Amino acid sequence: MRSAALALLDSLDEGQRARAGAPFDTADYRAWTYLPGERPGVALGELTARQRRHVLDLVDAGCGARGAADAREVMWTEAIRRGLAQTAPGSPADAYDDQRYYVRVLGDPAGDGPWAWRLNGHHLALHLTIAGGEVAATPQFSPIPGGSRADCRTATSPATSGSCSRC
């Protein structure tokens, strides 16, 4: 996970890195939401395909195969819900173009102290903290009610089965 975070940070330009990085004890460390809206960090839609690949590598490293697949499904369903170009059959658009999911790395993944990373957006709140060789995570996903993907459920435990009143 550390190498994926470092590869992501190394791929960002100076302005992106300034928005994506923050001290570990920043005020937004303890704040998370899966409701729509802007977040601290850099939106996937602002990144190049190569930079987004680094974000997805970080998701893969931190969430495992099932968690990473769920995260991608949540983001794809949001693209469908918003009617983004990439959801049209045969579209050449990248699946993450214009996506409003924000990535942020808190602390220094190259150092010895605690650090964290997060990927937040509508129906997705990934927050992983790494300290002393241990990884801790917040609740990860919210089910997606209604719409063309009503049959899709990425969360099955009672702790993550809340509903979004903004859908």
Protein backbone atom coordinates (compact mmCIF):
# COMPACT_ATOMS: atom_id res chain seq x y z
CA MET A 1 0.00 0.00 0.00
CA ARG A 2 2.89 2.33 0.81
CA SER A 3 4.42 1.89 -2.66
CA ALA A 4 1.05 2.53 -4.32
CA ALA A 5 0.60 5.77 -2.33
CA LEU A 6 4.11 6.92 -3.19
CA ALA A 7 3.62 6.12 -6.89
CA LEU A 8 0.41 8.17 -6.87
CA LEU A 9 2.05 11.15 -5.16
CA ASP A 10 5.06 10.97 -7.50
CA SER A 11 2.74 11.06 -10.53
CA LEU A 12 1.03 14.31 -9.50
CA ASP A 13 2.14 17.75 -10.60
CA GLU A 14 2.99 20.34 -7.94
CA GLY A 15 -0.53 21.81 -7.74
CA GLN A 16 -2.23 18.42 -7.60
CA ARG A 17 0.21 17.21 -4.98
CA ALA A 18 -0.49 20.28 -2.83
CA ARG A 19 -4.23 19.51 -2.91
CA ALA A 20 -3.87 15.74 -2.55
CA GLY A 21 -1.44 15.79 0.35
CA ALA A 22 -1.93 17.04 3.89
CA PRO A 23 -0.44 16.50 7.34
CA PHE A 24 -1.72 13.40 9.11
CA ASP A 25 -3.41 15.49 11.82
CA THR A 26 -5.29 17.74 9.39
CA ALA A 27 -8.81 18.70 10.49
CA ASP A 28 -10.51 16.61 7.80
CA TYR A 29 -8.78 13.40 8.96
CA ARG A 30 -11.74 12.56 11.19
CA ALA A 31 -14.43 13.85 8.82
CA TRP A 32 -15.98 11.53 6.25
CA THR A 33 -19.18 11.34 4.27
CA TYR A 34 -20.57 9.43 1.32
CA LEU A 35 -22.98 12.21 0.35
CA PRO A 36 -22.39 14.10 -2.92
CA GLY A 37 -20.22 17.23 -2.87
CA GLU A 38 -16.67 18.46 -3.06
CA ARG A 39 -14.02 17.15 -0.72
CA PRO A 40 -10.45 18.08 0.11
CA GLY A 41 -8.10 16.42 -2.35
CA VAL A 42 -8.00 15.96 -6.11
CA ALA A 43 -10.98 14.65 -8.11
CA LEU A 44 -10.47 11.58 -10.30
CA GLY A 45 -11.87 13.59 -13.20
CA GLU A 46 -8.94 16.01 -12.91
CA LEU A 47 -6.34 13.27 -13.19
CA THR A 48 -4.83 11.69 -16.26
CA ALA A 49 -5.55 8.04 -17.01
CA ARG A 50 -2.08 7.13 -15.70
CA GLN A 51 -2.64 9.03 -12.45
CA ARG A 52 -6.07 7.42 -12.01
CA ARG A 53 -4.41 4.02 -12.48
CA HIS A 54 -2.25 4.84 -9.45
CA VAL A 55 -5.38 5.68 -7.43
CA LEU A 56 -6.93 2.35 -8.43
CA ASP A 57 -3.69 0.56 -7.51
CA LEU A 58 -4.01 2.14 -4.05
CA VAL A 59 -7.64 0.97 -3.81
CA ASP A 60 -6.55 -2.54 -4.86
CA ALA A 61 -3.77 -2.60 -2.26
CA GLY A 62 -5.95 -1.33 0.56
CA CYS A 63 -9.28 -3.00 -0.12
CA GLY A 64 -8.51 -6.43 -1.56
CA ALA A 65 -10.20 -7.89 -4.63
CA ARG A 66 -13.79 -7.77 -3.36
CA GLY A 67 -13.51 -4.30 -1.82
CA ALA A 68 -11.82 -2.88 -4.90
CA ALA A 69 -14.50 -4.39 -7.16
CA ASP A 70 -17.20 -2.89 -4.94
CA ALA A 71 -15.54 0.53 -5.07
CA ARG A 72 -15.37 0.41 -8.87
CA GLU A 73 -19.02 -0.68 -9.03
CA VAL A 74 -20.09 2.25 -6.85
CA MET A 75 -18.19 4.70 -9.07
CA TRP A 76 -19.56 3.13 -12.27
CA THR A 77 -23.11 3.26 -10.92
CA GLU A 78 -22.63 6.95 -10.11
CA ALA A 79 -21.48 7.53 -13.70
CA ILE A 80 -24.69 5.84 -14.92
CA ARG A 81 -26.80 7.85 -12.47
CA ARG A 82 -25.24 11.11 -13.68
CA GLY A 83 -25.51 10.10 -17.36
CA LEU A 84 -21.80 10.56 -18.01
CA ALA A 85 -20.48 10.02 -21.53
CA GLN A 86 -18.52 6.89 -20.65
CA THR A 87 -21.75 4.99 -19.94
CA ALA A 88 -22.89 5.18 -23.58
CA PRO A 89 -22.32 1.93 -25.51
CA GLY A 90 -19.04 2.10 -27.42
CA SER A 91 -17.92 5.32 -25.71
CA PRO A 92 -14.16 5.91 -25.93
CA ALA A 93 -14.26 7.89 -22.64
CA ASP A 94 -12.31 6.55 -19.67
CA ALA A 95 -14.60 5.10 -17.00
CA TYR A 96 -13.38 7.72 -14.51
CA ASP A 97 -13.60 10.84 -16.70
CA ASP A 98 -15.54 13.61 -14.93
CA GLN A 99 -15.86 11.51 -11.79
CA ARG A 100 -16.23 13.45 -8.53
CA TYR A 101 -14.33 11.13 -6.25
CA TYR A 102 -11.55 12.84 -4.34
CA VAL A 103 -8.26 11.24 -3.37
CA ARG A 104 -6.12 12.48 -0.50
CA VAL A 105 -3.01 11.20 1.28
CA LEU A 106 -2.49 12.34 4.86
CA GLY A 107 0.95 12.20 6.42
CA ASP A 108 4.05 10.83 4.76
CA PRO A 109 3.82 7.28 3.39
CA ALA A 110 7.63 7.27 3.05
CA GLY A 111 8.16 8.03 6.74
CA ASP A 112 7.90 6.00 9.94
CA GLY A 113 4.89 7.81 11.39
CA PRO A 114 1.21 7.13 10.84
CA TRP A 115 -0.30 8.03 7.50
CA ALA A 116 -3.64 7.59 5.80
CA TRP A 117 -5.34 7.77 2.44
CA ARG A 118 -8.90 8.37 1.43
CA LEU A 119 -11.10 8.23 -1.63
CA ASN A 120 -14.46 9.93 -1.14
CA GLY A 121 -17.49 10.68 -3.25
CA HIS A 122 -21.17 9.88 -3.60
CA HIS A 123 -21.85 6.47 -2.00
CA LEU A 124 -18.16 5.81 -1.43
CA ALA A 125 -16.02 6.66 1.58
CA LEU A 126 -12.72 4.80 1.74
CA HIS A 127 -10.53 5.90 4.65
CA LEU A 128 -7.56 3.75 5.59
CA THR A 129 -5.03 4.60 8.30
CA ILE A 130 -1.67 2.88 8.53
CA ALA A 131 0.22 3.02 11.84
CA GLY A 132 2.78 0.69 13.34
CA GLY A 133 2.26 -1.90 10.62
CA GLU A 134 -1.50 -2.06 11.28
CA VAL A 135 -4.30 -0.89 8.98
CA ALA A 136 -7.60 0.52 10.23
CA ALA A 137 -10.55 1.47 8.04
CA THR A 138 -13.84 3.31 8.44
CA PRO A 139 -17.14 1.90 7.19
CA GLN A 140 -16.55 1.58 3.49
CA PHE A 141 -19.68 1.53 1.33
CA SER A 142 -23.30 2.50 1.18
CA PRO A 143 -25.89 0.59 -0.84
CA ILE A 144 -27.18 2.24 -3.96
CA PRO A 145 -30.97 2.65 -3.81
CA GLY A 146 -33.26 2.76 -6.85
CA GLY A 147 -32.35 3.60 -10.41
CA SER A 148 -31.18 1.34 -13.21
CA ARG A 149 -28.77 -0.48 -10.88
CA ALA A 150 -31.23 -1.11 -8.03
CA ASP A 151 -30.25 -4.79 -8.04
CA CYS A 152 -26.63 -3.88 -7.21
CA ARG A 153 -25.73 -4.02 -3.54
CA THR A 154 -22.16 -3.50 -2.49
CA ALA A 155 -22.83 -3.47 1.24
CA THR A 156 -24.41 -6.34 3.08
CA SER A 157 -23.60 -5.77 6.75
CA PRO A 158 -25.96 -3.83 9.03
CA ALA A 159 -23.20 -1.32 9.79
CA THR A 160 -23.03 -0.24 6.16
CA SER A 161 -26.63 -0.62 5.05
CA GLY A 162 -27.72 3.01 5.42
CA SER A 163 -29.55 4.81 2.66
CA CYS A 164 -28.78 8.11 0.97
CA SER A 165 -31.57 10.65 1.17
CA ARG A 166 -30.11 12.63 -1.76
CA CYS A 167 -30.68 9.95 -4.44
